[in-house]
Amino acid sequence: MSDGRILVVDDEESIREFLTILLEKEGYQVATADSVAAGIESVGTGSFDLVMCDLKLPDGSGLEVLGEARRRHIDWPFIIIT
């Protein structure tokens, strides 16, 4: 079992729920966000071992979340999903 923390950023609730169930079953702590804005807020206030981020979000691109993390010198691994 892992004790890592993962942030899932996706606008589709069903995908967030599916990934949360799957990852928690493997022992990860999961936080979720449903938009670029919420993802950036989570990046600014949390500490994660991995970020899984949808590419197309209603308020922009998941690459904006990655870019903001890099501007803050955060080097967590990112997986961009689409």
Protein backbone atom coordinates (compact mmCIF):
# COMPACT_ATOMS: atom_id res chain seq x y z
CA MET A 1 0.00 0.00 0.00
CA SER A 2 1.14 3.51 -0.80
CA ASP A 3 0.66 6.65 1.20
CA GLY A 4 1.29 9.01 -1.72
CA ARG A 5 -0.95 11.96 -2.53
CA ILE A 6 -2.41 12.40 -6.02
CA LEU A 7 -4.31 15.37 -7.45
CA VAL A 8 -6.84 14.53 -10.17
CA VAL A 9 -8.00 17.49 -12.28
CA ASP A 10 -10.89 16.67 -14.62
CA ASP A 11 -14.19 18.38 -15.40
CA GLU A 12 -16.07 15.09 -15.78
CA GLU A 13 -17.35 13.97 -12.39
CA SER A 14 -17.53 10.32 -13.46
CA ILE A 15 -13.84 10.28 -14.39
CA ARG A 16 -12.85 11.99 -11.12
CA GLU A 17 -14.91 9.46 -9.17
CA PHE A 18 -13.53 6.48 -11.10
CA LEU A 19 -9.91 7.56 -10.66
CA THR A 20 -10.48 8.35 -6.99
CA ILE A 21 -11.94 4.88 -6.32
CA LEU A 22 -9.17 3.16 -8.28
CA LEU A 23 -6.34 5.12 -6.68
CA GLU A 24 -7.71 4.97 -3.13
CA LYS A 25 -8.08 1.20 -3.52
CA GLU A 26 -4.32 1.16 -4.15
CA GLY A 27 -3.72 3.16 -0.99
CA TYR A 28 -3.27 6.68 -2.37
CA GLN A 29 -4.78 9.80 -0.88
CA VAL A 30 -6.67 11.60 -3.65
CA ALA A 31 -7.69 15.23 -4.00
CA THR A 32 -9.76 16.40 -6.95
CA ALA A 33 -10.37 19.59 -8.88
CA ASP A 34 -12.87 20.21 -11.68
CA SER A 35 -11.29 23.14 -13.54
CA VAL A 36 -8.05 24.94 -14.35
CA ALA A 37 -8.80 27.48 -11.62
CA ALA A 38 -9.45 24.80 -9.01
CA GLY A 39 -6.39 22.85 -10.15
CA ILE A 40 -4.16 25.91 -9.81
CA GLU A 41 -5.62 26.61 -6.36
CA SER A 42 -4.89 23.00 -5.31
CA VAL A 43 -1.35 23.22 -6.65
CA GLY A 44 -0.83 26.38 -4.63
CA THR A 45 -2.17 25.01 -1.37
CA GLY A 46 -1.38 21.29 -1.44
CA SER A 47 1.53 18.92 -1.66
CA PHE A 48 1.27 16.03 -4.09
CA ASP A 49 3.39 13.18 -5.39
CA LEU A 50 1.62 13.18 -8.75
CA VAL A 51 -0.90 15.26 -10.69
CA MET A 52 -3.22 13.67 -13.26
CA CYS A 53 -4.75 16.47 -15.30
CA ASP A 54 -7.19 16.49 -18.20
CA LEU A 55 -5.95 18.43 -21.22
CA LYS A 56 -9.29 20.05 -22.12
CA LEU A 57 -11.09 21.77 -19.28
CA PRO A 58 -14.01 24.20 -19.50
CA ASP A 59 -11.94 27.20 -18.41
CA GLY A 60 -8.75 26.43 -20.34
CA SER A 61 -6.07 23.82 -20.81
CA GLY A 62 -4.61 21.44 -18.28
CA LEU A 63 -1.25 22.69 -19.52
CA GLU A 64 -2.04 25.91 -17.64
CA VAL A 65 -2.07 23.93 -14.39
CA LEU A 66 1.29 22.40 -15.30
CA GLY A 67 2.67 25.82 -16.27
CA GLU A 68 1.59 27.36 -12.97
CA ALA A 69 3.20 24.52 -11.03
CA ARG A 70 6.46 25.04 -12.92
CA ARG A 71 6.32 28.83 -12.34
CA ARG A 72 6.11 28.03 -8.63
CA HIS A 73 9.14 25.72 -8.98
CA ILE A 74 7.03 22.67 -8.18
CA ASP A 75 8.48 19.61 -9.83
CA TRP A 76 5.82 16.99 -9.15
CA PRO A 77 5.30 14.52 -11.98
CA PHE A 78 2.32 15.39 -14.20
CA ILE A 79 0.30 13.02 -16.37
CA ILE A 80 -1.80 14.87 -18.93
CA ILE A 81 -4.86 12.82 -19.89
CA THR A 82 -7.37 13.38 -22.64
